[in-house]
Every structure is written in structure tokens, then in C-alpha cells.
Amino acid sequence: MNIPSLNPEVGSMVRVYGSHVNDLNDFYLYSSWSHHKLLQLDQQLAEAYSQSSSYKIYLFLFKINIISFIDRSSTTASEEFNICDYCAYQSENEVWYRGLIRERDSNGNAIVFKIDDGDVQHIPIRLLRPLEEWMFEVPRLAIHCSLADLVKPINDWSSEVISQFGSQLTKSFLYGKFINYNKSTDILSVEIKEKESNISFNKVFEPYQKEQSTFPMNDKLVYKRMLIKYLFIYFIFLTLFVERYSNGKIRS
């Protein structure tokens, strides 16, 4: 079973809330509906898994390192999770999350993508729990987005710009207009504005892509290719000039 993404209609404008930010071309938003649904889902997950008293005891013992390691012979159902399996786990603040396993390591840990906020966590596989059937019916509540018309700089967005953008997404009244949907990446390009503003975040951060779109000084291969390109262009112009000059002399 798969849990589909929540994709608002292209061209629509809705109130949005910020979630997890990787950079300006890779971040997650909530619509009004998904933000409200997230609050409901948190409560529903807590109720569903709180009925498992054995899990509470297990989690407590794990946190105080009484069972920080387990013999292989005592494999539990949670250790049978594979890559691309959906799961649930409880964070340290006792909030339950739905996740998708991206990787596993030899130490019994999994890299889990939190489908309802876009973050990634390293979780001991022993602490994962399978999703119940009804949990597959709720779409992924975090909407995967990119700022429309902004191209990632060659040497990437700086941490300062990413942090500044993340701070902007914490503002109270934000509206997002969904411009385009890329099916191959499952990312919506979006234009974001504050409620009473005529200037979008896209315009605010547009200069930063130009400032950083420079080649690293130590990238010798890039400069070598640039040099070859310009020498080739120079050679073409020189050839045309010589050809025209020669033709002119012949005619005279």
C-alpha cells in the first residue's frame, strides 16, 4: 500500500504554514486543510498506539539503556521492516509520526522520512511500529515545494539564506499560489506572499541566486572548460575575419 502526496490544484491560492526546510528549492508546507488535519492525526495516532502498554514499557527501558542492545535471537516484528516500508514511531516528546524507511544500517537503525512534515530522523528499528490500515487513507500532509522561478545556485544556497527563508515561513499569515507541478520529482513550485504584501518571497530571494551563481575558485575543471569554450569562439571569429579580409583583398 502507498500513501499518496497531497497536491493542491495548480493555479490555486491557499493559506499556507511552514514545515521543514532543506533549502529554497526543497521545503515543505501545510495548506489550511492539512494543517488542521495534522492536529487531528496527532491525536488519532496517540490514541491508537497508547493502547499498547507493552510498547510504553519497552520505550521506557530503552530510554534508560536497560535494553540498549538486543540479542539477534530475540527479533521482534518491528525489526522486520524493510526499505520503503511505512511505519510509525514516537519521538522523545511523545508525539507519534508516520514515516517511510529510506535506509537501514548494520547497527539496527533506520533513516526514516517523516511524511507529514518532511524531516528525516535516525530511529532504532526496534522502536518502529507498523501502520494500521486506516492510517494509509490519510495522504501525506506535508506538501513538497520549491520557490517558483528560482534556480538553485551552482554552489548551493548559503546556510544564512536558508535560515532567513525558514524564518520567513514562521510568519502568521502566508498565502501560497501553486504555479506548476513536476510529476517526476513530486514537487510543486509555489509563489509565497504575506497577506497584505505585493512582494513575494520569490522576489525577495531572487537576488541571492545571482550572487551565488559563481564558480568555485578551486574548480579547475570548470575553468578549463570555460577557457576552451572562449578559445573556440575566438577561433571562429578570427577565422571569419581572416576569410573576409582575404576576400576583400582578392576583389580589390
C-alpha atoms as a PDB file:
ATOM      1  CA  MET A   1       0.000   0.000   0.000  1.00  0.00           C
ATOM      2  CA  ASN A   2       1.154   3.514  -0.790  1.00  0.00           C
ATOM      3  CA  ILE A   3       0.319   6.838   0.832  1.00  0.00           C
ATOM      4  CA  PRO A   4      -0.126   9.477  -1.896  1.00  0.00           C
ATOM      5  CA  SER A   5       1.098  13.041  -1.679  1.00  0.00           C
ATOM      6  CA  LEU A   6      -1.308  15.884  -1.063  1.00  0.00           C
ATOM      7  CA  ASN A   7      -1.124  18.094  -4.163  1.00  0.00           C
ATOM      8  CA  PRO A   8      -3.233  21.267  -4.284  1.00  0.00           C
ATOM      9  CA  GLU A   9      -4.641  22.255  -7.660  1.00  0.00           C
ATOM     10  CA  VAL A  10      -2.215  24.175  -9.869  1.00  0.00           C
ATOM     11  CA  GLY A  11      -3.304  27.815 -10.057  1.00  0.00           C
ATOM     12  CA  SER A  12      -4.996  27.769  -6.668  1.00  0.00           C
ATOM     13  CA  MET A  13      -4.026  30.129  -3.858  1.00  0.00           C
ATOM     14  CA  VAL A  14      -4.419  28.969  -0.267  1.00  0.00           C
ATOM     15  CA  ARG A  15      -3.231  29.937   3.155  1.00  0.00           C
ATOM     16  CA  VAL A  16      -0.041  28.055   3.962  1.00  0.00           C
ATOM     17  CA  TYR A  17       2.059  27.223   7.007  1.00  0.00           C
ATOM     18  CA  GLY A  18       5.757  26.426   7.031  1.00  0.00           C
ATOM     19  CA  SER A  19       7.062  22.986   7.927  1.00  0.00           C
ATOM     20  CA  HIS A  20      10.554  21.587   7.287  1.00  0.00           C
ATOM     21  CA  VAL A  21      13.071  23.489   5.118  1.00  0.00           C
ATOM     22  CA  ASN A  22      16.062  21.924   3.359  1.00  0.00           C
ATOM     23  CA  ASP A  23      16.609  24.864   1.024  1.00  0.00           C
ATOM     24  CA  LEU A  24      14.621  27.264  -1.170  1.00  0.00           C
ATOM     25  CA  ASN A  25      14.049  24.573  -3.805  1.00  0.00           C
ATOM     26  CA  ASP A  26      13.279  21.811  -1.316  1.00  0.00           C
ATOM     27  CA  PHE A  27      10.890  22.553   1.528  1.00  0.00           C
ATOM     28  CA  TYR A  28       7.505  21.536   2.901  1.00  0.00           C
ATOM     29  CA  LEU A  29       4.304  23.477   3.536  1.00  0.00           C
ATOM     30  CA  TYR A  30       0.887  22.800   5.008  1.00  0.00           C
ATOM     31  CA  SER A  31      -2.327  24.062   3.497  1.00  0.00           C
ATOM     32  CA  SER A  32      -5.081  25.165   5.871  1.00  0.00           C
ATOM     33  CA  TRP A  33      -6.717  21.771   5.448  1.00  0.00           C
ATOM     34  CA  SER A  34      -3.568  19.710   6.036  1.00  0.00           C
ATOM     35  CA  HIS A  35      -2.522  21.884   8.993  1.00  0.00           C
ATOM     36  CA  HIS A  36      -5.876  21.242  10.655  1.00  0.00           C
ATOM     37  CA  LYS A  37      -5.779  17.563   9.696  1.00  0.00           C
ATOM     38  CA  LEU A  38      -2.309  17.217  11.242  1.00  0.00           C
ATOM     39  CA  LEU A  39      -3.662  18.196  14.648  1.00  0.00           C
ATOM     40  CA  GLN A  40      -6.370  15.558  14.316  1.00  0.00           C
ATOM     41  CA  LEU A  41      -3.902  12.926  13.131  1.00  0.00           C
ATOM     42  CA  ASP A  42      -1.563  13.567  16.068  1.00  0.00           C
ATOM     43  CA  GLN A  43      -4.385  12.792  18.461  1.00  0.00           C
ATOM     44  CA  GLN A  44      -5.576   9.762  16.492  1.00  0.00           C
ATOM     45  CA  LEU A  45      -2.089   8.248  16.349  1.00  0.00           C
ATOM     46  CA  ALA A  46      -1.582   8.815  20.060  1.00  0.00           C
ATOM     47  CA  GLU A  47      -4.863   7.094  20.859  1.00  0.00           C
ATOM     48  CA  ALA A  48      -4.125   4.165  18.549  1.00  0.00           C
ATOM     49  CA  TYR A  49      -0.672   3.412  19.909  1.00  0.00           C
ATOM     50  CA  SER A  50      -1.224   4.359  23.543  1.00  0.00           C
ATOM     51  CA  GLN A  51      -3.318   1.215  23.874  1.00  0.00           C
ATOM     52  CA  SER A  52      -0.125  -0.793  23.574  1.00  0.00           C
ATOM     53  CA  SER A  53       1.118  -0.767  27.184  1.00  0.00           C
ATOM     54  CA  SER A  54       3.918  -3.198  26.275  1.00  0.00           C
ATOM     55  CA  TYR A  55       5.351  -0.604  23.892  1.00  0.00           C
ATOM     56  CA  LYS A  56       5.357   2.027  26.652  1.00  0.00           C
ATOM     57  CA  ILE A  57       7.343  -0.285  28.919  1.00  0.00           C
ATOM     58  CA  TYR A  58       9.716  -1.164  26.091  1.00  0.00           C
ATOM     59  CA  LEU A  59      10.302   2.507  25.227  1.00  0.00           C
ATOM     60  CA  PHE A  60      10.972   3.390  28.877  1.00  0.00           C
ATOM     61  CA  LEU A  61      13.520   0.594  29.261  1.00  0.00           C
ATOM     62  CA  PHE A  62      15.194   1.619  26.021  1.00  0.00           C
ATOM     63  CA  LYS A  63      15.498   5.263  27.118  1.00  0.00           C
ATOM     64  CA  ILE A  64      17.234   4.309  30.381  1.00  0.00           C
ATOM     65  CA  ASN A  65      19.554   1.950  28.482  1.00  0.00           C
ATOM     66  CA  ILE A  66      18.409  -1.225  30.203  1.00  0.00           C
ATOM     67  CA  ILE A  67      17.849  -2.739  26.769  1.00  0.00           C
ATOM     68  CA  SER A  68      20.250  -0.679  24.696  1.00  0.00           C
ATOM     69  CA  PHE A  69      21.130  -3.834  22.803  1.00  0.00           C
ATOM     70  CA  ILE A  70      19.166  -6.976  21.985  1.00  0.00           C
ATOM     71  CA  ASP A  71      20.332 -10.443  21.060  1.00  0.00           C
ATOM     72  CA  ARG A  72      19.580 -11.372  17.458  1.00  0.00           C
ATOM     73  CA  SER A  73      17.609 -14.379  18.623  1.00  0.00           C
ATOM     74  CA  SER A  74      15.001 -12.062  20.132  1.00  0.00           C
ATOM     75  CA  THR A  75      13.950 -10.473  16.837  1.00  0.00           C
ATOM     76  CA  THR A  76      10.638  -8.630  17.088  1.00  0.00           C
ATOM     77  CA  ALA A  77       8.162  -7.768  14.382  1.00  0.00           C
ATOM     78  CA  SER A  78       9.477  -4.199  14.313  1.00  0.00           C
ATOM     79  CA  GLU A  79      12.913  -5.464  13.233  1.00  0.00           C
ATOM     80  CA  GLU A  80      11.397  -6.927  10.074  1.00  0.00           C
ATOM     81  CA  PHE A  81      10.857  -3.526   8.456  1.00  0.00           C
ATOM     82  CA  ASN A  82      12.442  -3.076   5.048  1.00  0.00           C
ATOM     83  CA  ILE A  83      13.440  -0.076   2.962  1.00  0.00           C
ATOM     84  CA  CYS A  84      10.355   1.704   1.508  1.00  0.00           C
ATOM     85  CA  ASP A  85       8.099   0.323   4.243  1.00  0.00           C
ATOM     86  CA  TYR A  86       5.788   2.709   6.057  1.00  0.00           C
ATOM     87  CA  CYS A  87       5.956   2.827   9.830  1.00  0.00           C
ATOM     88  CA  ALA A  88       5.131   4.851  12.924  1.00  0.00           C
ATOM     89  CA  TYR A  89       7.350   5.897  15.806  1.00  0.00           C
ATOM     90  CA  GLN A  90       7.132   8.000  18.935  1.00  0.00           C
ATOM     91  CA  SER A  91       9.508  10.929  19.434  1.00  0.00           C
ATOM     92  CA  GLU A  92      11.110  11.904  22.724  1.00  0.00           C
ATOM     93  CA  ASN A  93       8.330  14.433  23.307  1.00  0.00           C
ATOM     94  CA  GLU A  94       5.860  11.530  22.990  1.00  0.00           C
ATOM     95  CA  VAL A  95       4.386  12.633  19.651  1.00  0.00           C
ATOM     96  CA  TRP A  96       3.690   9.891  17.118  1.00  0.00           C
ATOM     97  CA  TYR A  97       4.777  10.289  13.494  1.00  0.00           C
ATOM     98  CA  ARG A  98       4.119   8.394  10.289  1.00  0.00           C
ATOM     99  CA  GLY A  99       7.292   7.618   8.404  1.00  0.00           C
ATOM    100  CA  LEU A 100       8.819   5.976   5.347  1.00  0.00           C
ATOM    101  CA  ILE A 101      12.012   3.964   5.769  1.00  0.00           C
ATOM    102  CA  ARG A 102      14.693   5.195   3.371  1.00  0.00           C
ATOM    103  CA  GLU A 103      17.724   3.294   4.638  1.00  0.00           C
ATOM    104  CA  ARG A 104      18.805   0.718   7.191  1.00  0.00           C
ATOM    105  CA  ASP A 105      22.236   0.178   8.709  1.00  0.00           C
ATOM    106  CA  SER A 106      24.005  -2.760  10.314  1.00  0.00           C
ATOM    107  CA  ASN A 107      23.573  -1.269  13.791  1.00  0.00           C
ATOM    108  CA  GLY A 108      19.828  -1.732  13.830  1.00  0.00           C
ATOM    109  CA  ASN A 109      18.925   1.844  12.926  1.00  0.00           C
ATOM    110  CA  ALA A 110      16.773   3.235  10.133  1.00  0.00           C
ATOM    111  CA  ILE A 111      16.684   6.563   8.335  1.00  0.00           C
ATOM    112  CA  VAL A 112      13.006   7.488   8.482  1.00  0.00           C
ATOM    113  CA  PHE A 113      11.398  10.208   6.366  1.00  0.00           C
ATOM    114  CA  LYS A 114       8.545  11.839   8.285  1.00  0.00           C
ATOM    115  CA  ILE A 115       5.869  12.044   5.604  1.00  0.00           C
ATOM    116  CA  ASP A 116       3.744  14.578   7.478  1.00  0.00           C
ATOM    117  CA  ASP A 117       6.426  17.246   7.962  1.00  0.00           C
ATOM    118  CA  GLY A 118       9.318  16.453   5.577  1.00  0.00           C
ATOM    119  CA  ASP A 119      12.049  15.927   8.166  1.00  0.00           C
ATOM    120  CA  VAL A 120      14.363  12.899   8.343  1.00  0.00           C
ATOM    121  CA  GLN A 121      15.338  11.087  11.559  1.00  0.00           C
ATOM    122  CA  HIS A 122      17.617   8.212  12.579  1.00  0.00           C
ATOM    123  CA  ILE A 123      15.460   5.804  14.583  1.00  0.00           C
ATOM    124  CA  PRO A 124      16.291   2.423  16.176  1.00  0.00           C
ATOM    125  CA  ILE A 125      14.310  -0.134  14.217  1.00  0.00           C
ATOM    126  CA  ARG A 126      13.144  -1.701  17.478  1.00  0.00           C
ATOM    127  CA  LEU A 127      11.085   1.419  18.163  1.00  0.00           C
ATOM    128  CA  LEU A 128       9.192   1.346  14.868  1.00  0.00           C
ATOM    129  CA  ARG A 129       5.624   0.151  14.674  1.00  0.00           C
ATOM    130  CA  PRO A 130       3.524  -0.860  11.630  1.00  0.00           C
ATOM    131  CA  LEU A 131       0.782   1.450  10.454  1.00  0.00           C
ATOM    132  CA  GLU A 132      -2.800   0.429  10.929  1.00  0.00           C
ATOM    133  CA  GLU A 133      -4.929   0.147   7.798  1.00  0.00           C
ATOM    134  CA  TRP A 134      -6.829   3.411   8.330  1.00  0.00           C
ATOM    135  CA  MET A 135      -3.544   5.338   8.533  1.00  0.00           C
ATOM    136  CA  PHE A 136      -2.900   4.653   4.844  1.00  0.00           C
ATOM    137  CA  GLU A 137      -6.089   6.512   3.932  1.00  0.00           C
ATOM    138  CA  VAL A 138      -4.719   9.877   5.117  1.00  0.00           C
ATOM    139  CA  PRO A 139      -2.478  11.468   2.441  1.00  0.00           C
ATOM    140  CA  ARG A 140       0.973  12.814   3.224  1.00  0.00           C
ATOM    141  CA  LEU A 141       0.125  16.095   4.889  1.00  0.00           C
ATOM    142  CA  ALA A 142       3.360  17.959   4.130  1.00  0.00           C
ATOM    143  CA  ILE A 143       3.349  19.464   0.616  1.00  0.00           C
ATOM    144  CA  HIS A 144       6.741  19.244  -1.112  1.00  0.00           C
ATOM    145  CA  CYS A 145       7.534  22.641  -2.652  1.00  0.00           C
ATOM    146  CA  SER A 146      10.088  24.801  -4.436  1.00  0.00           C
ATOM    147  CA  LEU A 147      10.014  28.593  -4.833  1.00  0.00           C
ATOM    148  CA  ALA A 148       8.835  29.214  -8.391  1.00  0.00           C
ATOM    149  CA  ASP A 149      11.305  30.731 -10.880  1.00  0.00           C
ATOM    150  CA  LEU A 150      14.256  30.418  -8.506  1.00  0.00           C
ATOM    151  CA  VAL A 151      17.129  28.227  -9.672  1.00  0.00           C
ATOM    152  CA  LYS A 152      19.478  26.720  -7.124  1.00  0.00           C
ATOM    153  CA  PRO A 153      22.888  28.439  -7.367  1.00  0.00           C
ATOM    154  CA  ILE A 154      25.796  26.382  -8.676  1.00  0.00           C
ATOM    155  CA  ASN A 155      27.448  26.379  -5.262  1.00  0.00           C
ATOM    156  CA  ASP A 156      24.094  25.933  -3.467  1.00  0.00           C
ATOM    157  CA  TRP A 157      22.127  28.234  -1.201  1.00  0.00           C
ATOM    158  CA  SER A 158      24.091  29.524   1.767  1.00  0.00           C
ATOM    159  CA  SER A 159      23.067  28.455   5.261  1.00  0.00           C
ATOM    160  CA  GLU A 160      22.296  32.108   6.056  1.00  0.00           C
ATOM    161  CA  VAL A 161      19.825  32.391   3.171  1.00  0.00           C
ATOM    162  CA  ILE A 162      18.179  29.078   4.085  1.00  0.00           C
ATOM    163  CA  SER A 163      17.859  30.204   7.700  1.00  0.00           C
ATOM    164  CA  GLN A 164      16.395  33.545   6.619  1.00  0.00           C
ATOM    165  CA  PHE A 165      13.856  31.795   4.396  1.00  0.00           C
ATOM    166  CA  GLY A 166      12.905  29.430   7.214  1.00  0.00           C
ATOM    167  CA  SER A 167      12.292  32.412   9.487  1.00  0.00           C
ATOM    168  CA  GLN A 168      10.014  33.982   6.872  1.00  0.00           C
ATOM    169  CA  LEU A 169       7.890  30.825   6.837  1.00  0.00           C
ATOM    170  CA  THR A 170       7.111  31.226  10.544  1.00  0.00           C
ATOM    171  CA  LYS A 171       5.073  34.375   9.871  1.00  0.00           C
ATOM    172  CA  SER A 172       1.393  34.162  10.711  1.00  0.00           C
ATOM    173  CA  PHE A 173      -0.484  34.994   7.534  1.00  0.00           C
ATOM    174  CA  LEU A 174       1.109  33.468   4.455  1.00  0.00           C
ATOM    175  CA  TYR A 175      -0.546  32.601   1.171  1.00  0.00           C
ATOM    176  CA  GLY A 176       0.824  30.317  -1.486  1.00  0.00           C
ATOM    177  CA  LYS A 177      -0.078  30.215  -5.161  1.00  0.00           C
ATOM    178  CA  PHE A 178       0.814  26.892  -6.747  1.00  0.00           C
ATOM    179  CA  ILE A 179       2.308  27.585 -10.159  1.00  0.00           C
ATOM    180  CA  ASN A 180       3.357  24.216 -11.533  1.00  0.00           C
ATOM    181  CA  TYR A 181       3.621  20.542 -10.593  1.00  0.00           C
ATOM    182  CA  ASN A 182       6.649  18.433 -11.524  1.00  0.00           C
ATOM    183  CA  LYS A 183       5.408  14.857 -11.643  1.00  0.00           C
ATOM    184  CA  SER A 184       8.872  13.283 -11.837  1.00  0.00           C
ATOM    185  CA  THR A 185      10.054  14.947  -8.612  1.00  0.00           C
ATOM    186  CA  ASP A 186       6.624  15.247  -6.969  1.00  0.00           C
ATOM    187  CA  ILE A 187       7.372  18.917  -6.210  1.00  0.00           C
ATOM    188  CA  LEU A 188       5.037  21.896  -6.555  1.00  0.00           C
ATOM    189  CA  SER A 189       6.539  25.249  -7.493  1.00  0.00           C
ATOM    190  CA  VAL A 190       4.924  27.947  -5.395  1.00  0.00           C
ATOM    191  CA  GLU A 191       4.819  31.708  -5.007  1.00  0.00           C
ATOM    192  CA  ILE A 192       4.510  32.810  -1.379  1.00  0.00           C
ATOM    193  CA  LYS A 193       3.349  36.178  -0.063  1.00  0.00           C
ATOM    194  CA  GLU A 194       2.324  37.675   3.233  1.00  0.00           C
ATOM    195  CA  LYS A 195      -1.363  38.536   3.471  1.00  0.00           C
ATOM    196  CA  GLU A 196      -1.137  42.286   2.758  1.00  0.00           C
ATOM    197  CA  SER A 197       2.086  42.289   0.733  1.00  0.00           C
ATOM    198  CA  ASN A 198       2.525  42.759  -3.007  1.00  0.00           C
ATOM    199  CA  ILE A 199       6.088  41.416  -2.925  1.00  0.00           C
ATOM    200  CA  SER A 200       6.506  37.651  -2.951  1.00  0.00           C
ATOM    201  CA  PHE A 201       9.223  35.739  -1.128  1.00  0.00           C
ATOM    202  CA  ASN A 202      10.326  34.673  -4.598  1.00  0.00           C
ATOM    203  CA  LYS A 203      11.221  38.283  -5.456  1.00  0.00           C
ATOM    204  CA  VAL A 204      12.862  38.859  -2.075  1.00  0.00           C
ATOM    205  CA  PHE A 205      15.221  35.916  -2.503  1.00  0.00           C
ATOM    206  CA  GLU A 206      15.777  36.286  -6.246  1.00  0.00           C
ATOM    207  CA  PRO A 207      18.995  38.364  -5.861  1.00  0.00           C
ATOM    208  CA  TYR A 208      20.618  35.646  -3.762  1.00  0.00           C
ATOM    209  CA  GLN A 209      20.587  33.143  -6.603  1.00  0.00           C
ATOM    210  CA  LYS A 210      22.511  35.634  -8.769  1.00  0.00           C
ATOM    211  CA  GLU A 211      25.015  36.489  -6.048  1.00  0.00           C
ATOM    212  CA  GLN A 212      25.915  32.861  -5.529  1.00  0.00           C
ATOM    213  CA  SER A 213      25.786  31.689  -9.125  1.00  0.00           C
ATOM    214  CA  THR A 214      29.554  31.803  -9.463  1.00  0.00           C
ATOM    215  CA  PHE A 215      32.075  29.047  -9.994  1.00  0.00           C
ATOM    216  CA  PRO A 216      34.168  27.940  -7.023  1.00  0.00           C
ATOM    217  CA  MET A 217      37.681  29.335  -7.335  1.00  0.00           C
ATOM    218  CA  ASN A 218      39.210  25.912  -6.834  1.00  0.00           C
ATOM    219  CA  ASP A 219      37.144  24.233  -9.539  1.00  0.00           C
ATOM    220  CA  LYS A 220      39.896  23.908 -12.125  1.00  0.00           C
ATOM    221  CA  LEU A 221      37.859  21.638 -14.391  1.00  0.00           C
ATOM    222  CA  VAL A 222      35.088  24.243 -14.751  1.00  0.00           C
ATOM    223  CA  TYR A 223      37.564  26.988 -15.587  1.00  0.00           C
ATOM    224  CA  LYS A 224      39.327  24.733 -18.054  1.00  0.00           C
ATOM    225  CA  ARG A 225      36.067  24.084 -19.890  1.00  0.00           C
ATOM    226  CA  MET A 226      35.256  27.798 -19.891  1.00  0.00           C
ATOM    227  CA  LEU A 227      38.682  28.601 -21.327  1.00  0.00           C
ATOM    228  CA  ILE A 228      38.265  26.023 -24.102  1.00  0.00           C
ATOM    229  CA  LYS A 229      34.803  27.417 -24.889  1.00  0.00           C
ATOM    230  CA  TYR A 230      36.033  31.013 -25.191  1.00  0.00           C
ATOM    231  CA  LEU A 231      39.108  29.999 -27.187  1.00  0.00           C
ATOM    232  CA  PHE A 232      36.847  28.150 -29.609  1.00  0.00           C
ATOM    233  CA  ILE A 233      34.608  31.223 -30.018  1.00  0.00           C
ATOM    234  CA  TYR A 234      37.688  33.413 -30.524  1.00  0.00           C
ATOM    235  CA  PHE A 235      38.993  30.993 -33.164  1.00  0.00           C
ATOM    236  CA  ILE A 236      35.683  31.133 -35.081  1.00  0.00           C
ATOM    237  CA  PHE A 237      35.645  34.932 -35.110  1.00  0.00           C
ATOM    238  CA  LEU A 238      39.296  35.054 -36.130  1.00  0.00           C
ATOM    239  CA  THR A 239      38.651  32.619 -38.984  1.00  0.00           C
ATOM    240  CA  LEU A 240      35.695  34.677 -40.233  1.00  0.00           C
ATOM    241  CA  PHE A 241      37.726  37.880 -40.027  1.00  0.00           C
ATOM    242  CA  VAL A 242      40.641  36.411 -41.976  1.00  0.00           C
ATOM    243  CA  GLU A 243      38.256  34.979 -44.570  1.00  0.00           C
ATOM    244  CA  ARG A 244      36.523  38.328 -45.092  1.00  0.00           C
ATOM    245  CA  TYR A 245      39.818  40.186 -45.193  1.00  0.00           C
ATOM    246  CA  SER A 246      41.195  37.749 -47.789  1.00  0.00           C
ATOM    247  CA  ASN A 247      38.060  38.035 -49.938  1.00  0.00           C
ATOM    248  CA  GLY A 248      38.309  41.815 -49.798  1.00  0.00           C
ATOM    249  CA  LYS A 249      41.921  41.791 -50.998  1.00  0.00           C
ATOM    250  CA  ILE A 250      41.098  39.429 -53.864  1.00  0.00           C
ATOM    251  CA  ARG A 251      38.222  41.637 -55.074  1.00  0.00           C
ATOM    252  CA  SER A 252      40.394  44.738 -54.975  1.00  0.00           C
END
